[in-house]
Amino acid sequence: MNINERKLDDVTVLDIDGRFVLGADRQFGHLVDDHIEAGGRKLIVNLEKVGYMDSSGLGELIAGHLAMEQVNGRIKLLHLNGRLSNLLITTKLITVFETFDSESAAISSFTPDQKTKLGI
């Protein structure tokens, strides 16, 4: 799994490419931890190039969500393919994560009201 990190103003986008599976997933966790330590509170995870995610990859997404929630931050998911959408629906995590089909929509979803709640 490869992860490319991009900054768009105060939003960080993680572009993930490859299989999000046991052994490769801790890289994601380290990036989320680094994002939080740097004061980041807005994170978009682009899953467009993720062909497969196992339970440990899903666990890392959940751990990232919980870590961001503890600091009043948010993770939003971008470009879920059919398989990943079905996985989130089956596990009922679709109600936990906000998902988007366009990067601009994901970025603009961090509304001014939400920025106030995040202390920004």
N, C-alpha and C. Protein backbone atom coordinates (compact mmCIF):
# COMPACT_ATOMS: atom_id res chain seq x y z
N MET A 1 0.85 -1.17 0.00
CA MET A 1 0.00 0.00 0.00
C MET A 1 0.90 1.24 0.00
N ASN A 2 0.56 2.18 -0.84
CA ASN A 2 1.25 3.47 -0.88
C ASN A 2 0.26 4.56 -0.48
N ILE A 3 0.76 5.54 0.28
CA ILE A 3 -0.08 6.65 0.69
C ILE A 3 0.62 7.95 0.32
N ASN A 4 -0.08 8.77 -0.44
CA ASN A 4 0.40 10.10 -0.79
C ASN A 4 -0.39 11.12 0.03
N GLU A 5 0.33 12.00 0.70
CA GLU A 5 -0.32 13.02 1.54
C GLU A 5 -0.28 14.36 0.82
N ARG A 6 -1.45 15.01 0.73
CA ARG A 6 -1.55 16.34 0.11
C ARG A 6 -2.24 17.28 1.08
N LYS A 7 -1.85 18.55 1.03
CA LYS A 7 -2.49 19.59 1.85
C LYS A 7 -3.24 20.53 0.92
N LEU A 8 -4.49 20.78 1.24
CA LEU A 8 -5.32 21.75 0.53
C LEU A 8 -5.85 22.72 1.58
N ASP A 9 -5.16 23.83 1.73
CA ASP A 9 -5.43 24.79 2.81
C ASP A 9 -5.31 24.06 4.14
N ASP A 10 -6.38 23.99 4.92
CA ASP A 10 -6.31 23.35 6.23
C ASP A 10 -6.85 21.92 6.22
N VAL A 11 -7.01 21.36 5.04
CA VAL A 11 -7.49 19.98 4.90
C VAL A 11 -6.35 19.11 4.37
N THR A 12 -6.17 17.95 4.98
CA THR A 12 -5.18 16.99 4.50
C THR A 12 -5.91 15.87 3.77
N VAL A 13 -5.39 15.51 2.60
CA VAL A 13 -5.95 14.41 1.82
C VAL A 13 -4.92 13.30 1.77
N LEU A 14 -5.33 12.09 2.15
CA LEU A 14 -4.49 10.91 2.02
C LEU A 14 -5.00 10.08 0.85
N ASP A 15 -4.19 10.01 -0.22
CA ASP A 15 -4.53 9.20 -1.39
C ASP A 15 -3.91 7.83 -1.19
N ILE A 16 -4.76 6.82 -1.02
CA ILE A 16 -4.28 5.46 -0.76
C ILE A 16 -4.35 4.66 -2.04
N ASP A 17 -3.26 3.93 -2.31
CA ASP A 17 -3.16 3.12 -3.52
C ASP A 17 -2.71 1.72 -3.12
N GLY A 18 -3.54 0.72 -3.41
CA GLY A 18 -3.16 -0.66 -3.10
C GLY A 18 -4.15 -1.33 -2.18
N ARG A 19 -3.70 -2.43 -1.63
CA ARG A 19 -4.54 -3.22 -0.73
C ARG A 19 -4.37 -2.70 0.70
N PHE A 20 -5.49 -2.40 1.34
CA PHE A 20 -5.50 -1.91 2.72
C PHE A 20 -5.70 -3.13 3.61
N VAL A 21 -4.60 -3.79 3.97
CA VAL A 21 -4.68 -5.10 4.64
C VAL A 21 -3.71 -5.17 5.81
N LEU A 22 -3.83 -6.28 6.54
CA LEU A 22 -2.96 -6.55 7.68
C LEU A 22 -1.50 -6.40 7.26
N GLY A 23 -0.75 -5.68 8.06
CA GLY A 23 0.66 -5.48 7.78
C GLY A 23 0.94 -4.17 7.09
N ALA A 24 0.09 -3.76 6.18
CA ALA A 24 0.28 -2.50 5.46
C ALA A 24 -0.47 -1.37 6.14
N ASP A 25 -1.41 -1.71 7.00
CA ASP A 25 -2.33 -0.71 7.52
C ASP A 25 -1.73 0.23 8.57
N ARG A 26 -0.70 -0.16 9.29
CA ARG A 26 -0.19 0.70 10.36
C ARG A 26 0.40 1.99 9.81
N GLN A 27 0.82 1.98 8.55
CA GLN A 27 1.30 3.19 7.90
C GLN A 27 0.20 4.26 7.96
N PHE A 28 -1.04 3.86 7.71
CA PHE A 28 -2.17 4.78 7.78
C PHE A 28 -2.31 5.34 9.20
N GLY A 29 -2.24 4.48 10.18
CA GLY A 29 -2.37 4.91 11.58
C GLY A 29 -1.31 5.92 11.97
N HIS A 30 -0.08 5.70 11.52
CA HIS A 30 1.00 6.64 11.82
C HIS A 30 0.73 8.01 11.19
N LEU A 31 0.21 8.01 9.95
CA LEU A 31 -0.09 9.28 9.30
C LEU A 31 -1.21 10.03 10.02
N VAL A 32 -2.23 9.30 10.48
CA VAL A 32 -3.31 9.94 11.25
C VAL A 32 -2.75 10.52 12.54
N ASP A 33 -1.91 9.75 13.24
CA ASP A 33 -1.31 10.24 14.48
C ASP A 33 -0.48 11.50 14.22
N ASP A 34 0.33 11.48 13.16
CA ASP A 34 1.14 12.64 12.81
C ASP A 34 0.27 13.85 12.49
N HIS A 35 -0.84 13.61 11.78
CA HIS A 35 -1.77 14.68 11.42
C HIS A 35 -2.33 15.33 12.69
N ILE A 36 -2.73 14.52 13.64
CA ILE A 36 -3.29 15.02 14.89
C ILE A 36 -2.23 15.80 15.68
N GLU A 37 -1.02 15.23 15.78
CA GLU A 37 0.06 15.88 16.53
C GLU A 37 0.42 17.23 15.93
N ALA A 38 0.26 17.37 14.61
CA ALA A 38 0.57 18.64 13.94
C ALA A 38 -0.58 19.64 14.06
N GLY A 39 -1.65 19.24 14.74
CA GLY A 39 -2.79 20.15 14.94
C GLY A 39 -3.86 20.02 13.88
N GLY A 40 -3.72 19.06 12.97
CA GLY A 40 -4.72 18.86 11.92
C GLY A 40 -6.01 18.28 12.48
N ARG A 41 -7.12 18.79 11.99
CA ARG A 41 -8.43 18.31 12.46
C ARG A 41 -9.34 17.92 11.31
N LYS A 42 -8.87 18.10 10.08
CA LYS A 42 -9.69 17.80 8.90
C LYS A 42 -8.91 16.88 7.98
N LEU A 43 -9.44 15.67 7.80
CA LEU A 43 -8.74 14.66 7.04
C LEU A 43 -9.70 13.98 6.06
N ILE A 44 -9.26 13.88 4.82
CA ILE A 44 -10.02 13.17 3.80
C ILE A 44 -9.19 11.97 3.36
N VAL A 45 -9.80 10.80 3.34
CA VAL A 45 -9.12 9.59 2.92
C VAL A 45 -9.69 9.19 1.56
N ASN A 46 -8.85 9.30 0.54
CA ASN A 46 -9.23 8.97 -0.83
C ASN A 46 -8.96 7.48 -1.07
N LEU A 47 -10.04 6.72 -1.23
CA LEU A 47 -9.94 5.26 -1.38
C LEU A 47 -10.14 4.82 -2.83
N GLU A 48 -10.03 5.74 -3.76
CA GLU A 48 -10.30 5.45 -5.17
C GLU A 48 -9.45 4.29 -5.71
N LYS A 49 -8.21 4.19 -5.27
CA LYS A 49 -7.30 3.16 -5.80
C LYS A 49 -7.11 1.99 -4.85
N VAL A 50 -8.04 1.84 -3.89
CA VAL A 50 -7.99 0.69 -2.98
C VAL A 50 -8.91 -0.38 -3.54
N GLY A 51 -8.31 -1.47 -3.98
CA GLY A 51 -9.09 -2.56 -4.56
C GLY A 51 -9.63 -3.52 -3.52
N TYR A 52 -8.98 -3.56 -2.36
CA TYR A 52 -9.37 -4.53 -1.35
C TYR A 52 -9.01 -3.98 0.02
N MET A 53 -9.90 -4.22 0.98
CA MET A 53 -9.64 -3.86 2.37
C MET A 53 -10.08 -5.03 3.24
N ASP A 54 -9.20 -5.47 4.13
CA ASP A 54 -9.60 -6.55 5.05
C ASP A 54 -10.02 -5.95 6.38
N SER A 55 -10.31 -6.81 7.35
CA SER A 55 -10.83 -6.33 8.64
C SER A 55 -9.81 -5.47 9.38
N SER A 56 -8.51 -5.74 9.20
CA SER A 56 -7.53 -4.90 9.90
C SER A 56 -7.46 -3.50 9.27
N GLY A 57 -7.63 -3.41 7.96
CA GLY A 57 -7.70 -2.11 7.30
C GLY A 57 -8.91 -1.33 7.78
N LEU A 58 -10.03 -2.02 7.87
CA LEU A 58 -11.25 -1.40 8.39
C LEU A 58 -11.05 -0.96 9.83
N GLY A 59 -10.36 -1.78 10.60
CA GLY A 59 -10.05 -1.43 11.98
C GLY A 59 -9.20 -0.18 12.08
N GLU A 60 -8.27 -0.01 11.16
CA GLU A 60 -7.43 1.20 11.16
C GLU A 60 -8.26 2.44 10.82
N LEU A 61 -9.21 2.30 9.89
CA LEU A 61 -10.10 3.43 9.59
C LEU A 61 -10.90 3.82 10.84
N ILE A 62 -11.40 2.82 11.54
CA ILE A 62 -12.18 3.08 12.76
C ILE A 62 -11.30 3.72 13.83
N ALA A 63 -10.09 3.19 14.00
CA ALA A 63 -9.17 3.76 15.00
C ALA A 63 -8.85 5.21 14.65
N GLY A 64 -8.65 5.49 13.37
CA GLY A 64 -8.39 6.86 12.93
C GLY A 64 -9.57 7.77 13.22
N HIS A 65 -10.76 7.26 12.94
CA HIS A 65 -11.99 8.01 13.21
C HIS A 65 -12.09 8.35 14.70
N LEU A 66 -11.84 7.36 15.54
CA LEU A 66 -11.94 7.58 16.99
C LEU A 66 -10.87 8.54 17.49
N ALA A 67 -9.66 8.42 16.96
CA ALA A 67 -8.58 9.33 17.36
C ALA A 67 -8.91 10.77 16.96
N MET A 68 -9.43 10.94 15.76
CA MET A 68 -9.80 12.29 15.31
C MET A 68 -10.96 12.83 16.13
N GLU A 69 -11.91 11.98 16.45
CA GLU A 69 -13.07 12.40 17.25
C GLU A 69 -12.63 12.89 18.62
N GLN A 70 -11.61 12.27 19.21
CA GLN A 70 -11.13 12.66 20.54
C GLN A 70 -10.57 14.07 20.56
N VAL A 71 -10.11 14.56 19.39
CA VAL A 71 -9.57 15.93 19.33
C VAL A 71 -10.52 16.85 18.57
N ASN A 72 -11.79 16.43 18.47
CA ASN A 72 -12.82 17.18 17.75
C ASN A 72 -12.51 17.36 16.27
N GLY A 73 -11.83 16.38 15.70
CA GLY A 73 -11.52 16.38 14.28
C GLY A 73 -12.45 15.43 13.53
N ARG A 74 -12.32 15.40 12.21
CA ARG A 74 -13.18 14.55 11.38
C ARG A 74 -12.38 13.89 10.26
N ILE A 75 -12.74 12.64 9.99
CA ILE A 75 -12.25 11.91 8.81
C ILE A 75 -13.44 11.74 7.89
N LYS A 76 -13.23 12.05 6.62
CA LYS A 76 -14.26 11.85 5.60
C LYS A 76 -13.67 10.97 4.51
N LEU A 77 -14.49 10.08 3.97
CA LEU A 77 -14.02 9.13 2.97
C LEU A 77 -14.42 9.58 1.58
N LEU A 78 -13.52 9.38 0.64
CA LEU A 78 -13.71 9.84 -0.73
C LEU A 78 -13.54 8.67 -1.70
N HIS A 79 -14.40 8.63 -2.72
CA HIS A 79 -14.31 7.67 -3.84
C HIS A 79 -14.30 6.21 -3.40
N LEU A 80 -15.33 5.81 -2.68
CA LEU A 80 -15.47 4.39 -2.34
C LEU A 80 -15.94 3.63 -3.57
N ASN A 81 -15.28 2.54 -3.89
CA ASN A 81 -15.77 1.70 -4.98
C ASN A 81 -16.91 0.83 -4.45
N GLY A 82 -17.52 0.08 -5.31
CA GLY A 82 -18.67 -0.75 -4.93
C GLY A 82 -18.37 -1.72 -3.81
N ARG A 83 -17.20 -2.34 -3.86
CA ARG A 83 -16.82 -3.32 -2.84
C ARG A 83 -16.67 -2.65 -1.47
N LEU A 84 -16.01 -1.48 -1.44
CA LEU A 84 -15.82 -0.79 -0.16
C LEU A 84 -17.14 -0.23 0.36
N SER A 85 -17.98 0.26 -0.53
CA SER A 85 -19.31 0.74 -0.11
C SER A 85 -20.10 -0.40 0.52
N ASN A 86 -20.08 -1.57 -0.13
CA ASN A 86 -20.79 -2.73 0.42
C ASN A 86 -20.23 -3.13 1.78
N LEU A 87 -18.92 -3.05 1.93
CA LEU A 87 -18.29 -3.38 3.21
C LEU A 87 -18.79 -2.44 4.31
N LEU A 88 -18.84 -1.16 4.02
CA LEU A 88 -19.32 -0.20 5.02
C LEU A 88 -20.80 -0.37 5.30
N ILE A 89 -21.57 -0.71 4.28
CA ILE A 89 -23.01 -0.94 4.48
C ILE A 89 -23.22 -2.20 5.33
N THR A 90 -22.52 -3.27 4.99
CA THR A 90 -22.66 -4.53 5.71
C THR A 90 -22.28 -4.39 7.18
N THR A 91 -21.23 -3.64 7.44
CA THR A 91 -20.77 -3.47 8.82
C THR A 91 -21.49 -2.32 9.54
N LYS A 92 -22.38 -1.66 8.83
CA LYS A 92 -23.14 -0.52 9.34
C LYS A 92 -22.26 0.69 9.67
N LEU A 93 -21.04 0.68 9.16
CA LEU A 93 -20.14 1.82 9.37
C LEU A 93 -20.44 2.96 8.41
N ILE A 94 -21.32 2.72 7.47
CA ILE A 94 -21.73 3.79 6.55
C ILE A 94 -22.41 4.91 7.34
N THR A 95 -22.94 4.60 8.52
CA THR A 95 -23.57 5.62 9.36
C THR A 95 -22.54 6.39 10.20
N VAL A 96 -21.32 5.88 10.25
CA VAL A 96 -20.26 6.51 11.03
C VAL A 96 -19.44 7.48 10.18
N PHE A 97 -19.13 7.06 8.97
CA PHE A 97 -18.28 7.86 8.09
C PHE A 97 -19.11 8.65 7.08
N GLU A 98 -18.72 9.89 6.87
CA GLU A 98 -19.29 10.66 5.76
C GLU A 98 -18.51 10.26 4.51
N THR A 99 -19.25 9.97 3.43
CA THR A 99 -18.60 9.55 2.19
C THR A 99 -18.96 10.52 1.07
N PHE A 100 -18.03 10.69 0.14
CA PHE A 100 -18.19 11.64 -0.95
C PHE A 100 -17.67 11.06 -2.25
N ASP A 101 -18.27 11.53 -3.35
CA ASP A 101 -17.84 11.13 -4.68
C ASP A 101 -16.96 12.19 -5.34
N SER A 102 -16.88 13.38 -4.74
CA SER A 102 -16.03 14.42 -5.30
C SER A 102 -15.19 15.06 -4.19
N GLU A 103 -13.95 15.35 -4.53
CA GLU A 103 -13.05 15.95 -3.56
C GLU A 103 -13.54 17.33 -3.13
N SER A 104 -14.04 18.11 -4.07
CA SER A 104 -14.51 19.46 -3.73
C SER A 104 -15.69 19.39 -2.76
N ALA A 105 -16.58 18.42 -2.94
CA ALA A 105 -17.71 18.27 -2.02
C ALA A 105 -17.22 17.87 -0.62
N ALA A 106 -16.23 16.99 -0.57
CA ALA A 106 -15.69 16.57 0.72
C ALA A 106 -15.04 17.75 1.43
N ILE A 107 -14.28 18.54 0.70
CA ILE A 107 -13.61 19.70 1.30
C ILE A 107 -14.64 20.71 1.79
N SER A 108 -15.62 21.00 0.96
CA SER A 108 -16.62 22.01 1.35
C SER A 108 -17.54 21.51 2.47
N SER A 109 -17.54 20.21 2.74
CA SER A 109 -18.37 19.68 3.82
C SER A 109 -17.87 20.10 5.20
N PHE A 110 -16.63 20.56 5.26
CA PHE A 110 -16.13 21.14 6.50
C PHE A 110 -16.67 22.57 6.55
N THR A 111 -17.90 22.70 6.99
CA THR A 111 -18.62 23.97 6.94
C THR A 111 -18.11 24.95 7.99
N PRO A 112 -18.45 26.24 7.83
CA PRO A 112 -18.06 27.21 8.85
C PRO A 112 -18.56 26.83 10.24
N ASP A 113 -19.78 26.29 10.33
CA ASP A 113 -20.31 25.87 11.64
C ASP A 113 -19.45 24.77 12.23
N GLN A 114 -19.02 23.84 11.36
CA GLN A 114 -18.19 22.75 11.84
C GLN A 114 -16.81 23.28 12.23
N LYS A 115 -16.31 24.27 11.52
CA LYS A 115 -15.03 24.86 11.88
C LYS A 115 -15.10 25.47 13.26
N THR A 116 -16.22 26.09 13.60
CA THR A 116 -16.40 26.67 14.93
C THR A 116 -16.38 25.57 15.99
N LYS A 117 -17.10 24.47 15.71
CA LYS A 117 -17.13 23.35 16.65
C LYS A 117 -15.76 22.75 16.83
N LEU A 118 -14.94 22.79 15.78
CA LEU A 118 -13.60 22.21 15.86
C LEU A 118 -12.60 23.17 16.52
N GLY A 119 -13.07 24.37 16.86
CA GLY A 119 -12.20 25.33 17.52
C GLY A 119 -11.25 26.02 16.56
N ILE A 120 -11.67 26.14 15.31
CA ILE A 120 -10.80 26.72 14.28
C ILE A 120 -11.27 28.12 13.95
